[in-house]
Structure formats: structure tokens, C-alpha cells
Amino acid sequence: MGHLDPFFYPESVAVIGASREPGSVGHELLRVMVENQKSGLYKGRLYAVNPKAREPILGVPTYPSVTDLPEPVDLGVIVVPARIVPAVVDECGRRGIKHVIVISGGFAEVGGEGVELQEKLVEVAKKHGIRVVGPNCVGIVCPETGVDTMFLPYRKELGGRDLLSLPRPGPGNISLLTQSGAFGVACVDYMAGEGLGLAKFVSYGNKADIDEVELMEYLADDPKTRVIVIYAESIEEGRRFIEAARRTVPKKPVVVLKAGRTGAGARAASSHTAALAGADEVYSAAFRQAGVVRVYEVEELFDVTKALSMQPPAKGPRIAVLTDGGGAGVMTADELESRGAVVVQLSEETQSRLRELMDRGVIPPISAVANPVDVTGSATDDAFVESLRILLDAPEVDGVIVLPLHHVPGLTSDLPDRIAAEVRERRDKPVLVADIGQGEYGIAYRERFDELGIPAYPTPERAARAMVGLIKYGEALRRIGAL
């Protein structure tokens, strides 16, 4: 699948339709790439194409046509009016350019002549052996190489303040494929805010050529990608998708947020990206058959993805909850069971080992040693670490959610490191953390867990939903004999 590499690792890029007009797509796209080149993120060569230009735009060498470019660039990014896109793609072919991203809209998504225009685009591209991402998309972001074709500015003004409008995530191990450009952009922003790193982002729009199936197959063998996330409004080639997912899931998880579940959503999807949305129950059955982890909302999408990017899948549905707050433990148990997980009854042997901690004074004598295990507001770091060790050793436990609510006076800033060290010794069972609070300490506390590879969430419910995602992936692996 290395034939898609030039989209992410180009040594030369041409922005075709670059403009001097601030605020225009052709200007902002080129400006983002120029900024990345100046900062050292993008280390390749950059060109601009504009038929009216007589001098460089934003300091970038500019040429009147694609055929005038000094070399057949690795990647052409097209931002010209839809009606002339086929002619520009033909010029790319004659210049030897084999990979293009068509940002321009006005194709099949608008119906009528737009459908014919898209068919012409595909015809010309095939004639020259050109691979196309788009049209009607925002393209590609690869933080590792500085490729960024999102034509949206980093900063915007609000109330007299210059604010960061669209932060880009740093390099990471999550790759995101999206049919909707606007939703994909919002996800990139969300990931940056959540501290989640990005391997590769592709907005494929109308998928006139390259679709989510081919991209998933490419990412299945991408060493930089650990989790593949897909936002889809339609999957026309269902059999291809299922077969590709079956090949991918044993290597890495595939998480899908499928929109257009209702009649109104399906109609909106059709007008948005020419999507043909089918019966939702058919999609659910197909996803389950393929081993895909399906989610239903944005927060769940990234909570599950975060867990999958850091922790192993659960080998079963039996979860233990360890907390210093009884109420938080109850909420976690409720959410787990409402989503099909099992808040497991701890064995007598496991409870006996926990009672031994009481006898030794490690956990308070008023602790509850059933599940949830509540070490109370008198808990210490030792109480959590030693209790967690017992739960991870318990054969009846497939995963643990830890709620070390930081407000408890006996807990110190050493606890995240100590819990992470305990988890590293027992890597076959997933461990997630929930801590409630939006104060400075609570935010920093959760960030420390994240840094150490223990996904941390600000509510019990979010941690529980993430654990269910790990259970679903484990079920999928067992079903296909990979776990």
C-alpha cells in the first residue's frame, strides 16, 4: 500500500489555485504550508500555481500553470473552481504528477452537472494513473511531516483578542478518516484539546477515487498508527469494507462513528457529501461481523480511542472498580452494567487478600472489599497500589477502573507514577482512571496519568464507556481467533 505514501510524505508540494487574497481558500492553505515550512515542520519544496501571478505569493515560487512547474511534484493540492478541475488534473497528468488532493466543492454533492463533472474528473485521473483524494474535502494532515492542507487559520480574533482557533495535535498514534471535512476539523481541534496525538488525518469528501476502505488498508500496515478512527456517512462497498476490516482488526482496532442513523440524518448526509445512507441495523450487523468497535457520539469516540491507543483489550467483560469515594464507585458500576459489562463478584480468595490489607493497616478497617472496592476517604497511595495489585492478580477480573479522587488528603502526587509502575508489570489487563474535578490539580493529575500511558477521564461514566470499548475490541479479537 506504499503507493499512498506521497500523500503523507511528499518531498514537493504544489498548491494549484494559490491566491494573494487573505481569507480565500487558496491563500490560507498556502499560508499554513508556508508557516509549517518556516517552522521546520515541513522540510520539502513548496510551489504555487496561479495563472495571473507574476511574482511569488507569500514568498513561494509561483508559476502560471502546472505544466510550468520545474519538477513533477509528489503532491498537487487543487483549489480552483470545480468547472476547471478536470482540465487542471489533465495538466497534472501531462506534468507527471500522480497524487492530487481536490479541495474544491461543486461535484456530486450538489447533484445535476456536478455529478457529470465528478465523472469527468475520475475519467481524466484514470487516464493518467493519478490517485485522487476528494473532491469536496479539506484533505490531509500529517504532523510528522508538516503536511497540512486544511485551509483554516491557526488563529482568529474574538472580542479584541487574538486566539488560537484551530490547534493541530502533535504527532501521535491515532489516525482519523472522515467523510465530512467540517466534522474532521472539529475532531482535530478536539484531539488537540484532549492532548491526543495524531498520526494521519484524511478528509476524503466525495471519495471519487480513494475511499475509507483503501485508506484503512493503508493504515493497517502503517507503523505510526495504533488506532484507526472512521467517521462515515455512507459505506457503499460494504463487502469490501467488511473484508478490509477483518484483515485490519487483528493488527489494530478500528473505531467507527456512523452518522445518518435516522431518516433525517440520512437525508442530511445525502445533501452533504452525496452519501447513500442505508438501514442502520444493517450497518450495525456488518460492523460487528467485521470486528469494528462502533460508537455513537463524539465524546465516546475519543474516550474509547484514547483507551485503545494506550491499553490492551479486555479479555472478558468482568470489571473491578477501585475507589476512595463510594458514590463515584456506584456511578461507575451503574454505567458499566447499563452498557453490558459485568461488575464482577470478587472471589472469596480475592476478598480475603483485601481483608489482609486491612489487618496490616494498609487500607482502613471500614473499607468495602466487595466490588466496587472502596478504600474510603482515609486512603493512602499504598492503599490504592496494593489493592490494585490484588485486583490485577485476580483471575476473575478482566480489567480495572481506578477512581483515586485526588481530594483525599492521604493521596500524594506520587500516585500516578506508582500506579503506572504497577500496571506496567501486568500489561495483559487494561486499567483506566477517573478523577472528578476541573481545578488546576485535578487537570494536572489526569494529565500525568495520560503521560504515563494510563488513560484518565474527568467523570466515572466516561471511564466506564471507554472500558466498554476495550471489552468490545477484546470480544472482536476472540471472535476471529486473534486473542
Protein backbone atom coordinates (compact mmCIF):
# COMPACT_ATOMS: atom_id res chain seq x y z
CA MET A 1 0.00 0.00 0.00
CA GLY A 2 3.05 2.27 -0.17
CA HIS A 3 1.62 3.89 -3.30
CA LEU A 4 -0.28 6.26 -0.98
CA ASP A 5 2.88 7.42 0.78
CA PRO A 6 3.27 10.60 -1.34
CA PHE A 7 0.07 11.96 0.20
CA PHE A 8 1.71 11.93 3.63
CA TYR A 9 5.44 12.04 2.91
CA PRO A 10 5.87 14.30 -0.13
CA GLU A 11 9.21 15.89 -0.84
CA SER A 12 7.50 18.51 -3.01
CA VAL A 13 4.02 20.07 -2.93
CA ALA A 14 2.27 22.44 -5.33
CA VAL A 15 -0.77 24.46 -4.26
CA ILE A 16 -2.71 24.85 -7.51
CA GLY A 17 -5.02 27.83 -7.24
CA ALA A 18 -2.95 29.74 -4.70
CA SER A 19 -4.14 33.29 -4.09
CA ARG A 20 -2.85 36.58 -2.71
CA GLU A 21 -6.27 37.33 -1.20
CA PRO A 22 -6.24 36.81 2.59
CA GLY A 23 -9.19 34.75 3.73
CA SER A 24 -9.52 32.86 0.46
CA VAL A 25 -9.06 29.09 0.45
CA GLY A 26 -6.10 29.30 -1.93
CA HIS A 27 -4.36 31.85 0.27
CA GLU A 28 -4.97 30.27 3.65
CA LEU A 29 -3.95 26.79 2.50
CA LEU A 30 -0.68 28.08 1.10
CA ARG A 31 -0.09 30.18 4.21
CA VAL A 32 -0.44 27.17 6.51
CA MET A 33 2.09 25.23 4.44
CA VAL A 34 4.46 28.21 4.38
CA GLU A 35 4.25 28.53 8.17
CA ASN A 36 4.98 24.82 8.54
CA GLN A 37 7.94 25.13 6.19
CA LYS A 38 9.34 28.12 8.07
CA SER A 39 8.97 26.36 11.42
CA GLY A 40 10.77 23.29 10.11
CA LEU A 41 7.72 21.00 10.29
CA TYR A 42 7.55 20.65 6.51
CA LYS A 43 11.02 20.08 5.13
CA GLY A 44 10.19 19.67 1.44
CA ARG A 45 9.90 22.02 -1.52
CA LEU A 46 6.81 24.19 -1.95
CA TYR A 47 5.40 25.73 -5.13
CA ALA A 48 2.33 27.77 -6.05
CA VAL A 49 0.32 27.89 -9.28
CA ASN A 50 -1.76 30.92 -10.29
CA PRO A 51 -2.30 31.96 -13.95
CA LYS A 52 -2.31 35.68 -13.07
CA ALA A 53 0.72 35.68 -10.78
CA ARG A 54 3.89 37.39 -11.98
CA GLU A 55 5.83 37.13 -8.75
CA PRO A 56 5.98 34.82 -5.71
CA ILE A 57 2.95 34.51 -3.43
CA LEU A 58 3.85 34.51 0.29
CA GLY A 59 7.46 34.11 -0.81
CA VAL A 60 6.71 30.82 -2.61
CA PRO A 61 7.91 30.34 -6.23
CA THR A 62 4.78 30.78 -8.33
CA TYR A 63 4.07 29.59 -11.88
CA PRO A 64 1.23 30.37 -14.33
CA SER A 65 0.34 26.72 -14.95
CA VAL A 66 1.01 23.22 -13.72
CA THR A 67 2.96 22.42 -16.86
CA ASP A 68 5.39 25.25 -15.99
CA LEU A 69 6.39 23.70 -12.66
CA PRO A 70 10.15 22.96 -12.50
CA GLU A 71 9.51 19.34 -11.47
CA PRO A 72 6.70 16.77 -11.32
CA VAL A 73 5.83 17.35 -7.69
CA ASP A 74 4.91 14.48 -5.38
CA LEU A 75 1.62 16.07 -4.37
CA GLY A 76 -0.68 18.57 -6.04
CA VAL A 77 -3.34 20.32 -3.94
CA ILE A 78 -6.10 21.71 -6.15
CA VAL A 79 -8.21 24.68 -5.00
CA VAL A 80 -9.64 26.01 -8.28
CA PRO A 81 -13.33 26.31 -9.30
CA ALA A 82 -14.96 22.94 -9.90
CA ARG A 83 -15.58 23.56 -13.61
CA ILE A 84 -11.85 23.68 -14.39
CA VAL A 85 -10.69 20.92 -12.06
CA PRO A 86 -10.71 18.20 -14.78
CA ALA A 87 -8.52 20.38 -17.00
CA VAL A 88 -6.11 21.01 -14.12
CA VAL A 89 -5.95 17.29 -13.34
CA ASP A 90 -5.17 16.69 -17.01
CA GLU A 91 -2.29 19.17 -16.74
CA CYS A 92 -1.06 17.31 -13.65
CA GLY A 93 -1.06 14.11 -15.67
CA ARG A 94 0.89 15.68 -18.51
CA ARG A 95 3.42 17.01 -15.99
CA GLY A 96 3.86 13.59 -14.39
CA ILE A 97 2.09 14.36 -11.09
CA LYS A 98 0.49 11.16 -9.77
CA HIS A 99 -1.11 12.23 -6.47
CA VAL A 100 -3.61 15.07 -6.05
CA ILE A 101 -5.98 16.33 -3.40
CA VAL A 102 -9.04 18.13 -4.77
CA ILE A 103 -10.25 20.53 -2.10
CA SER A 104 -12.80 22.17 -4.40
CA GLY A 105 -16.51 21.50 -3.92
CA GLY A 106 -19.31 21.60 -6.50
CA PHE A 107 -19.30 17.99 -7.65
CA ALA A 108 -21.61 15.03 -6.92
CA GLU A 109 -22.70 16.54 -3.61
CA VAL A 110 -24.67 19.24 -5.48
CA GLY A 111 -26.24 16.83 -7.99
CA GLY A 112 -27.02 17.63 -11.64
CA GLU A 113 -24.00 18.85 -13.58
CA GLY A 114 -21.84 18.27 -10.52
CA VAL A 115 -22.26 14.51 -10.92
CA GLU A 116 -21.10 14.70 -14.54
CA LEU A 117 -18.19 16.91 -13.52
CA GLN A 118 -17.07 14.35 -10.95
CA GLU A 119 -17.31 11.56 -13.51
CA LYS A 120 -15.12 13.62 -15.85
CA LEU A 121 -12.60 14.19 -13.05
CA VAL A 122 -12.37 10.44 -12.43
CA GLU A 123 -12.06 9.71 -16.14
CA VAL A 124 -9.15 12.14 -16.58
CA ALA A 125 -7.39 10.91 -13.43
CA LYS A 126 -7.64 7.28 -14.52
CA LYS A 127 -6.29 8.14 -17.97
CA HIS A 128 -3.08 9.44 -16.37
CA GLY A 129 -2.90 6.96 -13.47
CA ILE A 130 -3.46 9.75 -10.94
CA ARG A 131 -4.73 8.95 -7.44
CA VAL A 132 -7.24 11.44 -6.03
CA VAL A 133 -8.33 12.34 -2.51
CA GLY A 134 -11.64 14.24 -2.65
CA PRO A 135 -13.19 16.26 -4.15
CA ASN A 136 -15.14 18.39 -1.65
CA CYS A 137 -12.78 17.83 1.27
CA VAL A 138 -10.18 19.52 3.47
CA GLY A 139 -7.54 16.95 2.61
CA ILE A 140 -4.69 15.67 4.73
CA VAL A 141 -2.80 16.48 7.91
CA CYS A 142 0.33 14.58 8.89
CA PRO A 143 2.00 16.21 11.92
CA GLU A 144 5.07 14.02 11.49
CA THR A 145 5.92 15.65 8.14
CA GLY A 146 4.14 19.01 8.38
CA VAL A 147 1.76 18.29 5.50
CA ASP A 148 -1.40 20.29 6.28
CA THR A 149 -3.94 21.09 3.59
CA MET A 150 -6.62 22.39 5.94
CA PHE A 151 -7.31 25.89 4.65
CA LEU A 152 -8.32 27.09 8.10
CA PRO A 153 -6.20 29.61 10.02
CA TYR A 154 -4.45 28.75 13.25
CA ARG A 155 -5.67 31.92 14.96
CA LYS A 156 -8.74 34.18 14.87
CA GLU A 157 -9.81 37.39 16.60
CA LEU A 158 -12.60 37.40 19.19
CA GLY A 159 -13.54 40.42 21.27
CA GLY A 160 -10.28 42.16 20.50
CA ARG A 161 -8.24 39.11 21.49
CA ASP A 162 -6.06 37.07 19.13
CA LEU A 163 -6.94 33.47 20.00
CA LEU A 164 -5.82 30.04 18.87
CA SER A 165 -8.73 28.93 16.67
CA LEU A 166 -7.64 25.57 15.26
CA PRO A 167 -4.81 23.96 17.21
CA ARG A 168 -3.24 20.99 15.48
CA PRO A 169 -2.40 17.89 17.55
CA GLY A 170 1.20 16.84 17.83
CA PRO A 171 2.44 13.56 16.35
CA GLY A 172 0.77 10.52 17.88
CA ASN A 173 -0.63 7.08 17.11
CA ILE A 174 -4.28 7.81 16.24
CA SER A 175 -5.29 8.12 12.57
CA LEU A 176 -8.60 9.72 11.64
CA LEU A 177 -10.51 9.20 8.39
CA THR A 178 -13.58 11.34 7.80
CA GLN A 179 -16.13 11.83 5.06
CA SER A 180 -17.06 15.24 6.47
CA GLY A 181 -14.38 17.89 6.33
CA ALA A 182 -16.02 20.20 8.87
CA PHE A 183 -16.54 17.39 11.37
CA GLY A 184 -12.97 16.22 10.81
CA VAL A 185 -11.64 19.70 11.50
CA ALA A 186 -13.65 19.82 14.73
CA CYS A 187 -12.20 16.43 15.70
CA VAL A 188 -8.66 17.67 15.10
CA ASP A 189 -9.41 20.63 17.39
CA TYR A 190 -10.92 18.26 19.99
CA MET A 191 -7.93 15.93 19.87
CA ALA A 192 -5.55 18.84 20.43
CA GLY A 193 -7.59 19.95 23.43
CA GLU A 194 -7.61 16.42 24.87
CA GLY A 195 -3.87 16.01 24.36
CA LEU A 196 -4.32 13.15 21.87
CA GLY A 197 -1.59 12.78 19.26
CA LEU A 198 -2.36 12.38 15.55
CA ALA A 199 -0.63 10.04 13.14
CA LYS A 200 -2.59 10.83 9.98
CA PHE A 201 -5.79 12.70 9.15
CA VAL A 202 -7.66 12.32 5.87
CA SER A 203 -10.84 14.12 4.87
CA TYR A 204 -11.88 12.22 1.73
CA GLY A 205 -15.14 14.03 0.95
CA ASN A 206 -16.94 12.57 -2.07
CA LYS A 207 -14.36 9.73 -2.32
CA ALA A 208 -14.42 9.84 -6.12
CA ASP A 209 -11.30 7.65 -6.12
CA ILE A 210 -9.67 6.84 -2.78
CA ASP A 211 -12.18 5.76 -0.15
CA GLU A 212 -12.20 4.73 3.50
CA VAL A 213 -11.55 1.08 2.60
CA GLU A 214 -8.30 1.76 0.76
CA LEU A 215 -7.19 4.18 3.46
CA MET A 216 -7.95 1.65 6.20
CA GLU A 217 -5.88 -0.97 4.38
CA TYR A 218 -3.02 1.50 4.08
CA LEU A 219 -3.16 2.39 7.77
CA ALA A 220 -3.37 -1.27 8.78
CA ASP A 221 0.31 -1.56 7.85
CA ASP A 222 1.32 1.93 8.94
CA PRO A 223 3.80 1.62 11.84
CA LYS A 224 2.84 5.09 13.10
CA THR A 225 -0.86 4.19 13.54
CA ARG A 226 -2.12 2.22 16.54
CA VAL A 227 -5.85 3.03 16.27
CA ILE A 228 -7.89 3.81 13.14
CA VAL A 229 -10.89 6.11 13.62
CA ILE A 230 -13.51 6.49 10.88
CA TYR A 231 -16.37 8.97 10.62
CA ALA A 232 -18.68 7.80 7.82
CA GLU A 233 -21.97 8.93 6.39
CA SER A 234 -22.12 6.12 3.86
CA ILE A 235 -20.16 2.98 3.02
CA GLU A 236 -21.19 1.98 -0.47
CA GLU A 237 -18.94 -1.05 -0.86
CA GLY A 238 -19.95 -2.89 2.28
CA ARG A 239 -18.39 -6.23 1.35
CA ARG A 240 -15.02 -4.60 0.65
CA PHE A 241 -15.25 -2.72 3.93
CA ILE A 242 -16.01 -5.86 5.94
CA GLU A 243 -13.20 -7.82 4.32
CA ALA A 244 -10.70 -4.99 4.84
CA ALA A 245 -11.78 -4.54 8.47
CA ARG A 246 -11.40 -8.26 9.12
CA ARG A 247 -7.82 -8.06 7.88
CA THR A 248 -7.14 -4.89 9.88
CA VAL A 249 -8.73 -5.67 13.26
CA PRO A 250 -6.20 -8.38 14.25
CA LYS A 251 -3.45 -5.77 13.75
CA LYS A 252 -5.12 -2.74 15.33
CA PRO A 253 -8.58 -1.57 16.40
CA VAL A 254 -10.98 0.20 14.04
CA VAL A 255 -13.44 2.60 15.70
CA VAL A 256 -16.37 3.88 13.64
CA LEU A 257 -18.82 6.71 14.24
CA LYS A 258 -21.53 6.17 11.61
CA ALA A 259 -23.86 9.12 11.09
CA GLY A 260 -27.12 9.17 9.16
CA ARG A 261 -28.80 6.67 11.50
CA THR A 262 -32.23 8.31 11.27
CA GLY A 263 -34.30 9.33 8.29
CA ALA A 264 -33.47 12.99 8.85
CA GLY A 265 -29.76 12.20 9.28
CA ALA A 266 -29.72 10.11 6.12
CA ARG A 267 -31.29 12.94 4.11
CA ALA A 268 -28.77 15.42 5.50
CA ALA A 269 -25.89 13.08 4.67
CA SER A 270 -27.10 12.76 1.08
CA SER A 271 -27.11 16.52 0.57
CA HIS A 272 -23.77 16.92 2.33
CA THR A 273 -21.37 14.52 0.59
CA ALA A 274 -23.54 12.66 -1.92
CA ALA A 275 -23.78 9.90 0.68
CA LEU A 276 -26.15 6.98 0.20
CA ALA A 277 -27.08 6.10 3.77
CA GLY A 278 -28.59 2.64 4.25
CA ALA A 279 -30.54 0.95 7.03
CA ASP A 280 -28.72 1.47 10.30
CA GLU A 281 -29.33 -2.04 11.63
CA VAL A 282 -27.53 -3.41 8.56
CA TYR A 283 -24.50 -1.26 9.36
CA SER A 284 -24.51 -2.42 13.00
CA ALA A 285 -24.57 -6.07 11.98
CA ALA A 286 -21.82 -5.55 9.42
CA PHE A 287 -19.60 -3.67 11.87
CA ARG A 288 -19.98 -6.42 14.46
CA GLN A 289 -19.23 -9.08 11.86
CA ALA A 290 -16.09 -7.20 10.85
CA GLY A 291 -14.87 -6.67 14.42
CA VAL A 292 -15.31 -2.89 14.27
CA VAL A 293 -15.94 -1.00 17.52
CA ARG A 294 -18.95 1.20 16.87
CA VAL A 295 -19.61 4.36 18.90
CA TYR A 296 -22.47 6.85 18.76
CA GLU A 297 -21.18 10.26 19.86
CA VAL A 298 -18.06 12.41 19.68
CA GLU A 299 -17.09 12.20 23.35
CA GLU A 300 -17.44 8.42 23.33
CA LEU A 301 -15.48 8.24 20.07
CA PHE A 302 -12.38 9.81 21.55
CA ASP A 303 -12.73 8.33 25.03
CA VAL A 304 -12.76 4.83 23.54
CA THR A 305 -10.00 5.70 21.07
CA LYS A 306 -7.83 7.08 23.86
CA ALA A 307 -8.20 3.85 25.83
CA LEU A 308 -7.45 1.69 22.80
CA SER A 309 -4.36 3.77 21.99
CA MET A 310 -2.85 3.20 25.46
CA GLN A 311 -4.17 -0.04 26.93
CA PRO A 312 -4.61 -3.67 25.84
CA PRO A 313 -8.07 -5.04 25.01
CA ALA A 314 -10.02 -6.66 27.82
CA LYS A 315 -10.06 -10.46 27.60
CA GLY A 316 -13.59 -10.53 29.00
CA PRO A 317 -16.40 -8.31 30.34
CA ARG A 318 -15.62 -8.71 34.08
CA ILE A 319 -14.54 -5.38 35.54
CA ALA A 320 -13.44 -4.38 39.04
CA VAL A 321 -13.83 -0.85 40.40
CA LEU A 322 -11.39 0.57 42.96
CA THR A 323 -12.33 3.89 44.54
CA ASP A 324 -11.92 6.20 47.52
CA GLY A 325 -15.44 7.59 47.02
CA GLY A 326 -18.43 5.31 47.39
CA GLY A 327 -20.76 7.43 45.25
CA ALA A 328 -18.31 7.57 42.36
CA GLY A 329 -17.91 3.80 42.58
CA VAL A 330 -21.68 3.31 42.37
CA MET A 331 -21.93 5.58 39.30
CA THR A 332 -19.14 3.63 37.60
CA ALA A 333 -20.85 0.32 38.34
CA ASP A 334 -24.18 1.62 37.01
CA GLU A 335 -22.65 2.81 33.75
CA LEU A 336 -20.69 -0.41 33.24
CA GLU A 337 -23.68 -2.69 33.72
CA SER A 338 -26.03 -0.48 31.71
CA ARG A 339 -23.65 -0.96 28.76
CA GLY A 340 -23.32 -4.72 29.07
CA ALA A 341 -20.15 -5.04 31.16
CA VAL A 342 -20.11 -7.18 34.30
CA VAL A 343 -19.21 -5.65 37.67
CA VAL A 344 -17.78 -8.95 38.77
CA GLN A 345 -18.39 -10.56 42.17
CA LEU A 346 -14.92 -10.92 43.65
CA SER A 347 -13.91 -14.39 44.73
CA GLU A 348 -13.52 -15.25 48.39
CA GLU A 349 -9.77 -15.58 47.83
CA THR A 350 -9.53 -12.06 46.38
CA GLN A 351 -11.64 -10.59 49.20
CA SER A 352 -9.53 -12.44 51.74
CA ARG A 353 -6.37 -10.87 50.31
CA LEU A 354 -8.01 -7.43 50.54
CA ARG A 355 -9.00 -8.09 54.17
CA GLU A 356 -5.37 -8.94 54.87
CA LEU A 357 -4.56 -5.38 53.80
CA MET A 358 -6.98 -4.22 56.49
CA ASP A 359 -5.25 -6.38 59.08
CA ARG A 360 -1.91 -4.85 58.10
CA GLY A 361 -3.29 -1.32 58.27
CA VAL A 362 -2.75 -0.69 54.54
CA ILE A 363 -6.43 0.03 53.90
CA PRO A 364 -8.86 1.40 56.51
CA PRO A 365 -10.87 -1.12 58.56
CA ILE A 366 -14.10 0.41 57.21
CA SER A 367 -13.15 -0.35 53.60
CA ALA A 368 -15.57 -2.33 51.41
CA VAL A 369 -13.87 -5.34 49.83
CA ALA A 370 -16.72 -6.41 47.58
CA ASN A 371 -16.88 -4.86 44.11
CA PRO A 372 -16.64 -1.82 43.96
CA VAL A 373 -13.70 -1.89 46.36
CA ASP A 374 -13.96 1.30 48.42
CA VAL A 375 -10.82 2.24 50.38
CA THR A 376 -12.64 5.37 51.67
CA GLY A 377 -11.54 8.94 52.20
CA SER A 378 -8.81 7.72 54.54
CA ALA A 379 -6.98 6.07 51.63
CA THR A 380 -3.25 6.46 51.02
CA ASP A 381 -1.09 5.81 47.98
CA ASP A 382 -0.23 2.39 49.43
CA ALA A 383 -3.93 1.55 49.75
CA PHE A 384 -4.50 2.08 46.04
CA VAL A 385 -1.30 0.44 44.82
CA GLU A 386 -1.59 -2.72 46.90
CA SER A 387 -5.33 -3.10 46.28
CA LEU A 388 -4.79 -2.66 42.55
CA ARG A 389 -2.09 -5.35 42.61
CA ILE A 390 -4.57 -7.81 44.16
CA LEU A 391 -7.30 -6.97 41.63
CA LEU A 392 -4.96 -7.34 38.67
CA ASP A 393 -3.84 -10.73 40.01
CA ALA A 394 -7.43 -11.93 40.45
CA PRO A 395 -8.33 -14.46 37.71
CA GLU A 396 -11.98 -13.37 37.80
CA VAL A 397 -11.08 -9.78 36.83
CA ASP A 398 -10.56 -8.74 33.17
CA GLY A 399 -9.96 -5.03 33.75
CA VAL A 400 -9.94 -2.37 36.46
CA ILE A 401 -11.27 1.18 36.68
CA VAL A 402 -9.47 3.14 39.40
CA LEU A 403 -11.05 6.24 40.94
CA PRO A 404 -8.30 7.82 43.10
CA LEU A 405 -10.20 11.06 43.69
CA HIS A 406 -7.40 13.50 44.30
CA HIS A 407 -9.17 15.48 47.04
CA VAL A 408 -8.43 12.78 49.62
CA PRO A 409 -5.67 14.11 51.96
CA GLY A 410 -3.73 10.85 52.11
CA LEU A 411 -3.04 10.76 48.34
CA THR A 412 0.15 12.33 47.01
CA SER A 413 1.46 13.41 43.64
CA ASP A 414 3.46 10.15 43.52
CA LEU A 415 0.34 8.05 42.98
CA PRO A 416 0.12 8.27 39.16
CA ASP A 417 3.71 7.05 38.80
CA ARG A 418 3.21 4.26 41.30
CA ILE A 419 0.00 3.05 39.64
CA ALA A 420 1.66 3.19 36.23
CA ALA A 421 4.58 1.10 37.51
CA GLU A 422 2.13 -1.49 38.84
CA VAL A 423 0.26 -1.63 35.53
CA ARG A 424 3.48 -1.99 33.53
CA GLU A 425 4.24 -5.23 35.40
CA ARG A 426 0.82 -6.64 34.45
CA ARG A 427 0.25 -5.45 30.91
CA ASP A 428 -2.34 -8.09 29.99
CA LYS A 429 -5.24 -6.33 31.74
CA PRO A 430 -6.43 -2.78 30.97
CA VAL A 431 -6.51 -0.14 33.68
CA LEU A 432 -8.35 3.18 33.35
CA VAL A 433 -8.56 6.09 35.78
CA ALA A 434 -11.35 8.54 36.61
CA ASP A 435 -10.88 11.63 38.74
CA ILE A 436 -13.58 14.28 39.11
CA GLY A 437 -12.68 17.95 39.17
CA GLN A 438 -11.71 20.77 36.85
CA GLY A 439 -9.38 22.62 39.21
CA GLU A 440 -5.69 23.01 38.44
CA TYR A 441 -4.61 19.98 40.45
CA GLY A 442 -7.29 17.68 39.02
CA ILE A 443 -6.40 18.59 35.43
CA ALA A 444 -2.67 18.17 36.04
CA TYR A 445 -3.29 14.91 37.91
CA ARG A 446 -5.17 13.38 34.97
CA GLU A 447 -2.59 14.67 32.52
CA ARG A 448 0.13 12.88 34.48
CA PHE A 449 -1.76 9.59 34.23
CA ASP A 450 -2.13 10.14 30.47
CA GLU A 451 1.58 10.85 30.10
CA LEU A 452 2.31 7.55 31.81
CA GLY A 453 0.01 5.60 29.47
CA ILE A 454 -2.93 5.25 31.86
CA PRO A 455 -5.97 6.89 30.23
CA ALA A 456 -7.64 9.26 32.70
CA TYR A 457 -11.15 10.73 32.47
CA PRO A 458 -12.96 13.53 34.33
CA THR A 459 -16.10 11.50 35.09
CA PRO A 460 -16.84 7.90 36.11
CA GLU A 461 -19.24 7.49 33.20
CA ARG A 462 -16.63 8.39 30.60
CA ALA A 463 -14.14 5.92 32.06
CA ALA A 464 -16.82 3.22 32.05
CA ARG A 465 -17.71 3.86 28.41
CA ALA A 466 -14.04 3.70 27.48
CA MET A 467 -13.67 0.37 29.28
CA VAL A 468 -16.66 -0.99 27.36
CA GLY A 469 -14.79 -0.09 24.17
CA LEU A 470 -11.85 -2.21 25.35
CA ILE A 471 -14.27 -5.05 26.09
CA LYS A 472 -15.81 -4.80 22.61
CA TYR A 473 -12.41 -4.91 20.93
CA GLY A 474 -11.45 -7.92 23.03
CA GLU A 475 -14.71 -9.65 22.01
CA ALA A 476 -13.94 -8.93 18.36
CA LEU A 477 -10.44 -10.41 18.63
CA ARG A 478 -11.75 -13.53 20.35
CA ARG A 479 -14.45 -13.96 17.73
CA ILE A 480 -11.88 -14.04 14.93
CA GLY A 481 -9.43 -16.12 16.96
CA ALA A 482 -6.85 -13.35 17.47
CA LEU A 483 -6.98 -13.16 21.28
